[in-house]
Amino acid sequence: MNIDYERRAGILLHITSLYSKYGIGDLGHQAYRFADALRKTGARYWQVLPLGPTGYGNSPYSARSCFAGNELFISPDMLVEDGLLCPGDICDVPEFPRGKVDFNKVLSWKLPLLKKAASNFLYQKKDSREYARFKKDSVYWLDDYALFMVLYEKYNDARWYSVWDEKEGRRDAKTISSLKKEKKDEIEIWKALQYLFHVQWHRLKDYVNGKGLLLIGDAPIFAGGDSADTWSHIDIFKTDADGRYSKVSGVPPDNFSATGQLWGTPVYDWKKLEETGFEWWFNRIRHLLALTDVLRIDHFRGFDAYYEIPAKDETAEFGKWVKAPGKKFFKTLSKEFGTIPIIAEDLGLMTESVMELRKSNGLPGMKISQFGFSMNADGSFNAMDTFLPHNYDRDYIAYTGTHDNDTTRGWFDSLTDIEKHQVREYLSCNDREVVWALIRATMLSHADTAIIPMQDILELGNQARMNFPSTCNDKNWSWMLDGEDIPAEAMERFAKLVGLSGRDC
């Protein structure tokens, strides 16, 4: 499964962060404009976050489906161009905040509009053959997802295991059969919405690929506890005698948290997955690699061993590490797919066995430049920190930061005086120049690929941070560009570094 990533560069910018007068970035003209701007820099990659429909908290890492696309990404402008909406349908647009996504406001205005387009699509019988083929090819997830969303709207809650009627939540056969007949029209609307996402996404992907660019997608290792996946495939997750989650995910206590992190997503029953030849996972990977060209898998170490916590616990203190069949999984995966372009998110405390699993499968890991400025026990600068750019090996994807980090400007401003001094000394810069100095060091590193968040290219501060881990508020996942124009000067500066570092394609 060895992959030659060559020496390349890219930008991390999620779809929601594209500018849109409709309150949230979408697959419309701004996405194409960004692709054009990215191509001019000589970079090769456009990295996005997970593409699934988000639920409570708006996190793309806790989606309502591991397969479905986020309906809010559908472009109203393109629906008008395709004759599925009238120009008048998008005239009365609410005043959305600039530079920030108000998810609730967007959802209340946009979803009814999208459903109208889906209804028009079904009435007009457009693309009937293509639509029928899409439904046939997607049958392993689409039927369950569409019914799940109908029931989600019925209860205004995705917690099928505690809020829904028992027979609906536990998928009683007669109840499900009856619902499919009773809710046929509503179910079809959700299927049509997924088709409209499918059409717009693949138009964009074809355009991006036609420019010589590649899309890097993202797959959280765990499925959301209140997702269509757990509802429809409860057998592949660890449950008790009553069919309720018995173990959930997280990480143990460390220097940052005395009680650890309780993520709460159910853990897989790997024995059951093995018995099916890892069918669910392979369907997922096949589906996601049809959407993007490269796939980053979040929390890669979970394939080697995962930390499971009793579902009843309120903290992560009393969990334990459990071995996962990573070697068998990737050996079977290689036989099924051959060479697969996967990035292993190997941040945090990695064991020898995790590193061996990654390297033996030829998968690049990740390095975050912001993490490199640690101190030795005596308070001196640790020049051998493996996250410092000069220490990177070739088999890594280098980032200044990711969605879970502060922007580089925000990070630097939060440092102590002595830490700032070490950063200035290492980068040979002043405070004003620190963002581009770190970008330069990352780009000039030995890592085969360097990906820079758009916020850093724009030198934005803490207000543009994408996510504050272990929190749930309206700041998370909400940053977006606040104007139609992609700043040419910043992109030109990035382009010079792409060329200087030998990363132009």
Protein backbone atom coordinates (compact mmCIF):
# COMPACT_ATOMS: atom_id res chain seq x y z
CA MET A 1 0.00 0.00 0.00
CA ASN A 2 3.04 2.24 -0.44
CA ILE A 3 2.12 5.69 -1.77
CA ASP A 4 4.38 8.19 -3.54
CA TYR A 5 3.06 11.58 -2.52
CA GLU A 6 5.99 13.40 -4.15
CA ARG A 7 6.87 16.92 -2.96
CA ARG A 8 3.61 18.86 -2.97
CA ALA A 9 1.68 21.58 -1.15
CA GLY A 10 -1.91 22.47 -0.47
CA ILE A 11 -4.42 24.54 1.48
CA LEU A 12 -6.85 23.42 4.17
CA LEU A 13 -10.22 25.12 3.71
CA HIS A 14 -13.52 23.44 4.56
CA ILE A 15 -16.56 23.88 2.32
CA THR A 16 -18.50 25.71 5.06
CA SER A 17 -15.71 28.32 5.19
CA LEU A 18 -16.15 29.46 1.59
CA TYR A 19 -17.90 32.81 1.32
CA SER A 20 -21.62 32.67 0.53
CA LYS A 21 -24.44 35.19 0.76
CA TYR A 22 -26.60 32.24 1.81
CA GLY A 23 -24.93 32.01 5.21
CA ILE A 24 -22.74 28.93 4.69
CA GLY A 25 -20.13 27.91 2.15
CA ASP A 26 -21.48 25.66 -0.59
CA LEU A 27 -20.61 23.91 -3.85
CA GLY A 28 -21.40 26.94 -5.96
CA HIS A 29 -19.28 29.45 -7.82
CA GLN A 30 -17.05 30.41 -4.88
CA ALA A 31 -15.78 26.83 -4.68
CA TYR A 32 -14.76 27.04 -8.34
CA ARG A 33 -13.12 30.42 -7.77
CA PHE A 34 -11.10 29.01 -4.91
CA ALA A 35 -9.99 26.08 -7.08
CA ASP A 36 -8.83 28.56 -9.72
CA ALA A 37 -6.91 30.60 -7.14
CA LEU A 38 -5.33 27.48 -5.65
CA ARG A 39 -4.21 26.24 -9.06
CA LYS A 40 -2.44 29.52 -9.76
CA THR A 41 -0.23 29.02 -6.69
CA GLY A 42 1.25 25.81 -8.10
CA ALA A 43 -0.10 23.83 -5.13
CA ARG A 44 -1.69 20.44 -5.72
CA TYR A 45 -4.05 19.73 -2.81
CA TRP A 46 -7.30 21.14 -1.48
CA GLN A 47 -8.02 19.59 1.90
CA VAL A 48 -11.48 19.67 3.45
CA LEU A 49 -13.03 18.34 6.67
CA PRO A 50 -15.56 15.47 6.77
CA LEU A 51 -18.44 16.04 4.33
CA GLY A 52 -21.27 14.45 6.32
CA PRO A 53 -24.43 16.17 7.61
CA THR A 54 -23.71 17.56 11.05
CA GLY A 55 -25.87 17.25 14.12
CA TYR A 56 -25.83 18.78 17.58
CA GLY A 57 -22.79 21.01 17.98
CA ASN A 58 -22.30 21.24 14.19
CA SER A 59 -19.14 19.12 14.29
CA PRO A 60 -18.25 17.40 11.01
CA TYR A 61 -16.49 14.82 13.18
CA SER A 62 -19.82 13.74 14.66
CA ALA A 63 -21.98 13.47 11.58
CA ARG A 64 -25.43 11.95 11.24
CA SER A 65 -24.00 9.62 8.61
CA CYS A 66 -20.59 8.30 7.59
CA PHE A 67 -21.85 8.12 3.98
CA ALA A 68 -24.30 10.96 3.32
CA GLY A 69 -23.26 14.40 2.15
CA ASN A 70 -24.19 17.56 4.01
CA GLU A 71 -27.34 18.87 2.34
CA LEU A 72 -26.45 22.42 3.39
CA PHE A 73 -23.52 22.31 0.94
CA ILE A 74 -25.97 22.29 -1.99
CA SER A 75 -25.73 25.58 -3.89
CA PRO A 76 -29.03 27.49 -4.35
CA ASP A 77 -27.56 29.35 -7.33
CA MET A 78 -26.85 26.10 -9.14
CA LEU A 79 -30.33 24.82 -8.33
CA VAL A 80 -31.67 27.89 -10.15
CA GLU A 81 -29.32 27.26 -13.07
CA ASP A 82 -30.55 23.65 -13.26
CA GLY A 83 -34.19 24.78 -13.29
CA LEU A 84 -35.02 23.29 -9.89
CA LEU A 85 -35.66 26.69 -8.28
CA CYS A 86 -36.89 29.99 -9.72
CA PRO A 87 -34.79 33.16 -9.33
CA GLY A 88 -37.55 34.50 -7.09
CA ASP A 89 -37.02 31.63 -4.67
CA ILE A 90 -33.64 33.03 -3.65
CA CYS A 91 -34.44 36.75 -3.69
CA ASP A 92 -35.56 37.12 -0.10
CA VAL A 93 -32.36 36.03 1.65
CA PRO A 94 -32.03 36.75 5.38
CA GLU A 95 -29.18 38.96 6.57
CA PHE A 96 -26.60 36.42 7.65
CA PRO A 97 -23.55 37.43 9.69
CA ARG A 98 -20.34 38.07 7.73
CA GLY A 99 -17.37 35.89 8.44
CA LYS A 100 -19.34 33.41 10.54
CA VAL A 101 -21.84 30.61 9.98
CA ASP A 102 -25.03 30.83 12.04
CA PHE A 103 -26.00 27.16 11.63
CA ASN A 104 -29.47 27.45 13.15
CA LYS A 105 -30.37 30.44 11.00
CA VAL A 106 -29.00 28.78 7.87
CA LEU A 107 -30.86 25.54 8.57
CA SER A 108 -34.22 27.21 9.18
CA TRP A 109 -34.01 29.19 5.93
CA LYS A 110 -32.15 26.85 3.61
CA LEU A 111 -33.52 23.37 4.30
CA PRO A 112 -37.12 24.21 3.23
CA LEU A 113 -35.65 25.75 0.06
CA LEU A 114 -33.62 22.62 -0.65
CA LYS A 115 -36.64 20.41 -0.08
CA LYS A 116 -38.59 22.51 -2.55
CA ALA A 117 -35.85 21.92 -5.12
CA ALA A 118 -35.88 18.19 -4.36
CA SER A 119 -39.66 18.10 -4.78
CA ASN A 120 -39.35 19.92 -8.12
CA PHE A 121 -36.65 17.47 -9.18
CA LEU A 122 -38.91 14.50 -8.45
CA TYR A 123 -41.92 16.14 -10.14
CA GLN A 124 -39.94 17.04 -13.27
CA LYS A 125 -38.44 13.54 -13.41
CA LYS A 126 -35.08 15.04 -14.36
CA ASP A 127 -32.07 12.71 -14.69
CA SER A 128 -34.38 9.75 -14.05
CA ARG A 129 -31.88 7.14 -15.24
CA GLU A 130 -28.98 8.71 -13.36
CA TYR A 131 -31.12 9.09 -10.25
CA ALA A 132 -32.20 5.45 -10.42
CA ARG A 133 -28.58 4.37 -10.84
CA PHE A 134 -27.52 6.55 -7.89
CA LYS A 135 -30.15 4.94 -5.66
CA LYS A 136 -29.14 1.46 -6.76
CA ASP A 137 -25.43 2.10 -6.22
CA SER A 138 -26.11 3.70 -2.81
CA VAL A 139 -28.65 1.19 -1.51
CA TYR A 140 -26.32 -0.03 1.25
CA TRP A 141 -26.67 3.30 3.08
CA LEU A 142 -29.20 5.59 1.34
CA ASP A 143 -32.46 3.85 2.30
CA ASP A 144 -31.52 3.74 5.98
CA TYR A 145 -30.28 7.34 6.01
CA ALA A 146 -33.42 8.72 4.34
CA LEU A 147 -35.74 6.94 6.80
CA PHE A 148 -33.48 7.96 9.68
CA MET A 149 -33.83 11.63 8.72
CA VAL A 150 -37.62 11.34 8.46
CA LEU A 151 -37.70 9.97 12.00
CA TYR A 152 -35.16 12.54 13.16
CA GLU A 153 -37.50 15.30 12.01
CA LYS A 154 -40.46 13.57 13.62
CA TYR A 155 -38.78 13.66 17.04
CA ASN A 156 -36.57 16.71 16.42
CA ASP A 157 -33.82 14.59 17.94
CA ALA A 158 -31.35 12.04 16.57
CA ARG A 159 -31.03 10.02 19.77
CA TRP A 160 -32.79 6.94 18.45
CA TYR A 161 -31.69 4.92 21.47
CA SER A 162 -33.43 7.07 24.11
CA VAL A 163 -35.94 9.49 22.57
CA TRP A 164 -37.58 7.60 19.72
CA ASP A 165 -40.40 5.11 20.09
CA GLU A 166 -38.88 1.78 21.12
CA LYS A 167 -39.97 -0.08 17.99
CA GLU A 168 -38.67 2.67 15.69
CA GLY A 169 -35.41 3.01 17.58
CA ARG A 170 -34.79 -0.74 17.69
CA ARG A 171 -35.86 -1.23 14.06
CA ASP A 172 -38.74 -3.61 14.63
CA ALA A 173 -39.22 -5.26 11.22
CA LYS A 174 -42.99 -4.67 10.93
CA THR A 175 -42.64 -1.08 12.15
CA ILE A 176 -39.87 -0.29 9.63
CA SER A 177 -41.83 -1.90 6.79
CA SER A 178 -44.90 0.15 7.69
CA LEU A 179 -42.89 3.38 7.94
CA LYS A 180 -41.38 2.87 4.49
CA LYS A 181 -44.88 2.75 3.01
CA GLU A 182 -46.40 5.48 5.18
CA LYS A 183 -43.49 7.93 4.77
CA LYS A 184 -42.63 7.07 1.17
CA ASP A 185 -42.81 10.64 -0.15
CA GLU A 186 -40.78 12.13 2.71
CA ILE A 187 -38.17 9.40 2.33
CA GLU A 188 -37.90 10.12 -1.38
CA ILE A 189 -37.25 13.82 -0.69
CA TRP A 190 -34.21 12.94 1.44
CA LYS A 191 -32.95 10.58 -1.25
CA ALA A 192 -33.35 13.33 -3.85
CA LEU A 193 -31.43 15.75 -1.63
CA GLN A 194 -28.55 13.30 -1.49
CA TYR A 195 -28.64 12.99 -5.27
CA LEU A 196 -28.49 16.78 -5.65
CA PHE A 197 -25.46 16.85 -3.34
CA HIS A 198 -23.94 14.00 -5.36
CA VAL A 199 -24.40 15.86 -8.65
CA GLN A 200 -23.01 19.18 -7.41
CA TRP A 201 -20.11 17.56 -5.57
CA HIS A 202 -18.97 15.52 -8.57
CA ARG A 203 -19.25 18.52 -10.86
CA LEU A 204 -16.88 20.35 -8.55
CA LYS A 205 -14.56 17.36 -8.19
CA ASP A 206 -14.37 16.96 -11.97
CA TYR A 207 -13.50 20.65 -12.27
CA VAL A 208 -10.89 20.46 -9.50
CA ASN A 209 -9.29 17.34 -10.99
CA GLY A 210 -9.39 18.93 -14.43
CA LYS A 211 -7.24 21.74 -13.02
CA GLY A 212 -4.65 19.19 -11.94
CA LEU A 213 -5.71 19.48 -8.30
CA LEU A 214 -6.55 16.68 -5.86
CA LEU A 215 -9.05 16.71 -3.00
CA ILE A 216 -8.05 15.44 0.45
CA GLY A 217 -11.03 14.22 2.44
CA ASP A 218 -11.37 13.24 6.08
CA ALA A 219 -12.89 10.23 7.86
CA PRO A 220 -13.42 10.20 11.64
CA ILE A 221 -12.58 6.70 12.84
CA PHE A 222 -15.72 6.45 15.00
CA ALA A 223 -19.35 6.84 13.98
CA GLY A 224 -21.64 9.20 15.88
CA GLY A 225 -23.68 7.56 18.61
CA ASP A 226 -26.84 9.22 17.32
CA SER A 227 -26.15 8.56 13.65
CA ALA A 228 -27.89 6.60 10.94
CA ASP A 229 -24.91 4.24 10.94
CA THR A 230 -25.33 3.10 14.54
CA TRP A 231 -29.10 2.93 14.15
CA SER A 232 -28.89 0.70 11.07
CA HIS A 233 -25.76 -1.32 11.99
CA ILE A 234 -25.93 -1.65 15.76
CA ASP A 235 -24.51 -5.18 15.43
CA ILE A 236 -21.00 -3.88 14.64
CA PHE A 237 -20.81 -1.84 17.86
CA LYS A 238 -20.31 -3.08 21.41
CA THR A 239 -23.65 -3.36 23.18
CA ASP A 240 -25.11 -4.96 26.28
CA ALA A 241 -27.90 -7.56 26.56
CA ASP A 242 -30.50 -4.81 26.00
CA GLY A 243 -28.86 -3.61 22.81
CA ARG A 244 -27.52 -0.42 24.37
CA TYR A 245 -23.95 0.81 24.05
CA SER A 246 -21.77 -0.95 26.60
CA LYS A 247 -18.47 0.77 25.81
CA VAL A 248 -17.67 4.23 24.40
CA SER A 249 -14.53 5.96 23.16
CA GLY A 250 -12.13 8.50 24.60
CA VAL A 251 -8.55 8.92 25.78
CA PRO A 252 -7.13 8.39 29.27
CA PRO A 253 -6.08 11.05 31.80
CA ASP A 254 -2.88 12.93 30.97
CA ASN A 255 -1.10 16.18 31.80
CA PHE A 256 -3.82 18.14 30.03
CA SER A 257 -6.82 16.49 31.68
CA ALA A 258 -6.91 14.72 35.04
CA THR A 259 -10.07 12.84 34.06
CA GLY A 260 -9.18 12.15 30.41
CA GLN A 261 -11.44 12.85 27.45
CA LEU A 262 -14.81 11.12 27.20
CA TRP A 263 -15.78 11.30 23.53
CA GLY A 264 -18.84 9.13 24.02
CA THR A 265 -18.98 7.60 20.54
CA PRO A 266 -19.61 3.84 20.60
CA VAL A 267 -16.63 1.57 19.91
CA TYR A 268 -16.63 -1.13 17.26
CA ASP A 269 -17.09 -4.79 17.91
CA TRP A 270 -14.08 -5.73 15.79
CA LYS A 271 -14.87 -9.43 16.08
CA LYS A 272 -18.19 -8.85 14.31
CA LEU A 273 -16.49 -6.65 11.71
CA GLU A 274 -13.93 -9.38 11.02
CA GLU A 275 -16.70 -11.94 10.54
CA THR A 276 -18.13 -9.81 7.71
CA GLY A 277 -14.73 -9.25 6.09
CA PHE A 278 -14.84 -5.62 7.33
CA GLU A 279 -17.67 -5.02 4.87
CA TRP A 280 -19.05 -1.85 6.49
CA TRP A 281 -15.63 -0.22 6.68
CA PHE A 282 -14.73 -1.15 3.12
CA ASN A 283 -18.04 0.20 1.82
CA ARG A 284 -17.26 3.40 3.67
CA ILE A 285 -13.73 3.74 2.27
CA ARG A 286 -14.90 2.93 -1.25
CA HIS A 287 -17.62 5.57 -0.95
CA LEU A 288 -15.35 8.27 0.46
CA LEU A 289 -12.64 7.69 -2.14
CA ALA A 290 -15.26 8.26 -4.82
CA LEU A 291 -15.78 11.71 -3.29
CA THR A 292 -12.12 12.65 -2.76
CA ASP A 293 -8.72 11.61 -4.10
CA VAL A 294 -6.89 11.16 -0.79
CA LEU A 295 -8.38 10.22 2.57
CA ARG A 296 -7.12 11.30 5.98
CA ILE A 297 -8.26 8.92 8.74
CA ASP A 298 -8.69 10.66 12.06
CA HIS A 299 -7.38 8.90 15.23
CA PHE A 300 -5.45 6.30 13.25
CA ARG A 301 -4.14 4.64 16.38
CA GLY A 302 -7.64 3.26 16.95
CA PHE A 303 -6.87 0.62 14.31
CA ASP A 304 -4.05 -0.69 16.51
CA ALA A 305 -5.65 -0.20 19.94
CA TYR A 306 -8.52 1.93 21.19
CA TYR A 307 -9.40 3.25 24.63
CA GLU A 308 -12.82 2.02 25.72
CA ILE A 309 -14.77 3.32 28.70
CA PRO A 310 -17.87 1.83 30.34
CA ALA A 311 -20.85 3.63 28.80
CA LYS A 312 -22.26 4.50 32.22
CA ASP A 313 -19.11 6.38 33.32
CA GLU A 314 -19.09 10.19 33.42
CA THR A 315 -15.31 10.52 32.95
CA ALA A 316 -12.61 8.63 31.05
CA GLU A 317 -10.65 7.68 34.19
CA PHE A 318 -11.56 4.00 34.32
CA GLY A 319 -11.25 2.92 30.72
CA LYS A 320 -8.73 0.52 29.23
CA TRP A 321 -6.79 0.03 26.03
CA VAL A 322 -8.12 -2.78 23.84
CA LYS A 323 -6.23 -4.26 20.90
CA ALA A 324 -7.76 -3.87 17.42
CA PRO A 325 -6.99 -6.07 14.38
CA GLY A 326 -5.18 -3.33 12.47
CA LYS A 327 -2.71 -5.63 10.72
CA LYS A 328 -5.45 -7.90 9.42
CA PHE A 329 -7.64 -4.93 8.52
CA PHE A 330 -5.01 -3.27 6.32
CA LYS A 331 -3.84 -6.56 4.81
CA THR A 332 -7.43 -7.32 3.77
CA LEU A 333 -7.90 -3.72 2.64
CA SER A 334 -4.82 -3.96 0.42
CA LYS A 335 -6.12 -7.17 -1.19
CA GLU A 336 -9.51 -5.55 -1.79
CA PHE A 337 -8.37 -2.17 -3.13
CA GLY A 338 -4.67 -2.36 -3.93
CA THR A 339 -2.86 0.93 -3.34
CA ILE A 340 -5.00 3.41 -1.43
CA PRO A 341 -4.03 7.05 -0.79
CA ILE A 342 -4.57 7.29 2.98
CA ILE A 343 -3.08 9.77 5.46
CA ALA A 344 -2.78 8.44 9.01
CA GLU A 345 -3.56 11.02 11.70
CA ASP A 346 -0.93 9.86 14.18
CA LEU A 347 -0.84 12.81 16.58
CA GLY A 348 -0.69 12.36 20.33
CA LEU A 349 1.12 9.58 22.19
CA MET A 350 1.96 6.88 19.67
CA THR A 351 3.19 3.41 20.58
CA GLU A 352 5.75 1.40 18.63
CA SER A 353 3.01 -0.87 17.30
CA VAL A 354 1.01 2.10 15.96
CA MET A 355 4.07 3.50 14.20
CA GLU A 356 4.84 0.07 12.77
CA LEU A 357 1.26 -0.28 11.50
CA ARG A 358 1.54 3.05 9.71
CA LYS A 359 4.99 2.52 8.24
CA SER A 360 4.47 -1.11 7.22
CA ASN A 361 1.50 0.01 5.12
CA GLY A 362 3.38 2.91 3.56
CA LEU A 363 1.02 5.53 5.03
CA PRO A 364 2.25 9.08 5.66
CA GLY A 365 1.72 10.50 9.14
CA MET A 366 1.21 14.09 10.28
CA LYS A 367 3.40 16.79 11.83
CA ILE A 368 2.17 20.06 13.35
CA SER A 369 4.77 22.83 13.46
CA GLN A 370 3.10 24.65 16.35
CA PHE A 371 3.73 21.58 18.54
CA GLY A 372 7.50 21.77 18.11
CA PHE A 373 8.44 24.51 20.55
CA SER A 374 8.81 22.45 23.71
CA MET A 375 11.35 22.88 26.49
CA ASN A 376 13.79 20.45 28.07
CA ALA A 377 13.47 19.66 31.77
CA ASP A 378 16.04 22.37 32.58
CA GLY A 379 14.05 24.98 30.67
CA SER A 380 16.32 25.01 27.60
CA PHE A 381 15.02 24.80 24.06
CA ASN A 382 14.54 21.24 22.75
CA ALA A 383 16.00 21.42 19.26
CA MET A 384 15.36 17.70 18.75
CA ASP A 385 11.59 17.96 19.22
CA THR A 386 10.16 15.82 16.42
CA PHE A 387 7.55 18.48 15.60
CA LEU A 388 10.15 21.10 14.67
CA PRO A 389 10.23 21.41 10.87
CA HIS A 390 13.94 20.59 10.49
CA ASN A 391 13.32 17.16 12.07
CA TYR A 392 10.59 15.95 9.70
CA ASP A 393 11.11 12.81 7.65
CA ARG A 394 9.77 12.56 4.12
CA ASP A 395 6.83 10.29 4.99
CA TYR A 396 4.81 13.03 6.66
CA ILE A 397 2.23 15.64 5.80
CA ALA A 398 3.34 18.87 7.50
CA TYR A 399 0.90 21.48 8.80
CA THR A 400 1.35 24.73 10.69
CA GLY A 401 -1.86 23.72 12.49
CA THR A 402 -5.15 21.91 11.87
CA HIS A 403 -8.82 22.51 12.62
CA ASP A 404 -8.19 21.64 16.29
CA ASN A 405 -5.35 24.15 16.71
CA ASP A 406 -5.47 27.88 17.12
CA THR A 407 -4.43 29.89 14.10
CA THR A 408 -0.68 30.54 14.08
CA ARG A 409 -1.25 34.20 15.00
CA GLY A 410 -3.60 33.22 17.81
CA TRP A 411 -1.20 30.51 19.00
CA PHE A 412 1.79 32.86 19.08
CA ASP A 413 -0.12 35.61 20.87
CA SER A 414 -1.07 33.12 23.62
CA LEU A 415 2.53 32.05 24.37
CA THR A 416 4.57 33.16 27.37
CA ASP A 417 7.39 35.65 26.83
CA ILE A 418 10.06 32.96 27.00
CA GLU A 419 8.15 30.76 24.53
CA LYS A 420 7.76 33.69 22.15
CA HIS A 421 11.50 34.31 22.42
CA GLN A 422 12.25 30.70 21.43
CA VAL A 423 9.88 30.94 18.45
CA ARG A 424 11.50 34.18 17.28
CA GLU A 425 14.99 32.69 17.68
CA TYR A 426 14.13 29.52 15.76
CA LEU A 427 12.31 31.30 12.94
CA SER A 428 14.65 34.32 12.91
CA CYS A 429 11.77 36.76 12.75
CA ASN A 430 9.96 39.45 14.68
CA ASP A 431 6.44 39.21 16.10
CA ARG A 432 4.85 40.73 13.01
CA GLU A 433 6.48 38.21 10.67
CA VAL A 434 5.91 35.07 12.75
CA VAL A 435 3.00 33.60 10.76
CA TRP A 436 4.74 33.59 7.41
CA ALA A 437 8.01 32.57 9.04
CA LEU A 438 6.36 29.40 10.39
CA ILE A 439 4.67 28.77 7.03
CA ARG A 440 8.08 29.12 5.36
CA ALA A 441 9.76 26.70 7.79
CA THR A 442 6.96 24.18 7.28
CA MET A 443 7.12 24.48 3.50
CA LEU A 444 10.92 24.12 3.46
CA SER A 445 10.86 21.00 5.65
CA HIS A 446 11.71 17.54 4.28
CA ALA A 447 8.07 16.43 4.56
CA ASP A 448 6.83 15.36 1.14
CA THR A 449 3.63 17.39 1.50
CA ALA A 450 2.88 20.65 3.30
CA ILE A 451 -0.71 21.79 3.93
CA ILE A 452 -1.39 25.30 5.23
CA PRO A 453 -4.76 26.35 6.73
CA MET A 454 -6.34 29.25 4.86
CA GLN A 455 -6.55 31.21 8.13
CA ASP A 456 -2.75 31.23 8.36
CA ILE A 457 -2.32 32.33 4.75
CA LEU A 458 -4.59 35.27 5.65
CA GLU A 459 -2.67 35.83 8.95
CA LEU A 460 -5.88 35.74 10.96
CA GLY A 461 -6.00 35.62 14.74
CA ASN A 462 -7.88 33.64 17.35
CA GLN A 463 -11.27 34.81 16.06
CA ALA A 464 -10.75 32.59 12.98
CA ARG A 465 -10.03 29.41 14.93
CA MET A 466 -12.11 26.51 13.60
CA ASN A 467 -12.55 24.41 16.73
CA PHE A 468 -11.95 24.49 20.46
CA PRO A 469 -11.67 20.77 21.41
CA SER A 470 -13.79 19.50 24.31
CA THR A 471 -16.17 22.46 23.99
CA CYS A 472 -19.54 22.89 22.32
CA ASN A 473 -20.43 26.47 21.41
CA ASP A 474 -21.34 28.65 18.45
CA LYS A 475 -17.69 29.56 17.83
CA ASN A 476 -16.80 26.03 16.76
CA TRP A 477 -16.83 25.21 13.05
CA SER A 478 -18.31 28.61 12.20
CA TRP A 479 -15.43 30.56 10.60
CA MET A 480 -15.90 31.56 6.97
CA LEU A 481 -14.33 33.98 4.51
CA ASP A 482 -16.06 37.34 4.79
CA GLY A 483 -15.92 38.41 1.16
CA GLU A 484 -16.13 37.10 -2.39
CA ASP A 485 -12.56 38.01 -3.28
CA ILE A 486 -9.80 35.59 -2.32
CA PRO A 487 -6.94 37.95 -1.31
CA ALA A 488 -4.56 37.89 -4.28
CA GLU A 489 -1.55 39.23 -2.37
CA ALA A 490 -1.67 36.45 0.22
CA MET A 491 -2.11 33.77 -2.45
CA GLU A 492 0.80 35.21 -4.45
CA ARG A 493 2.99 35.09 -1.36
CA PHE A 494 2.02 31.46 -0.83
CA ALA A 495 2.74 30.75 -4.51
CA LYS A 496 6.30 32.06 -4.13
CA LEU A 497 6.89 29.66 -1.25
CA VAL A 498 5.36 26.79 -3.23
CA GLY A 499 7.96 27.41 -5.92
CA LEU A 500 10.85 28.15 -3.56
CA SER A 501 10.29 24.89 -1.67
CA GLY A 502 10.08 22.81 -4.86
CA ARG A 503 6.42 21.94 -4.26
CA ASP A 504 4.95 23.35 -7.47
CA CYS A 505 3.27 20.82 -9.71
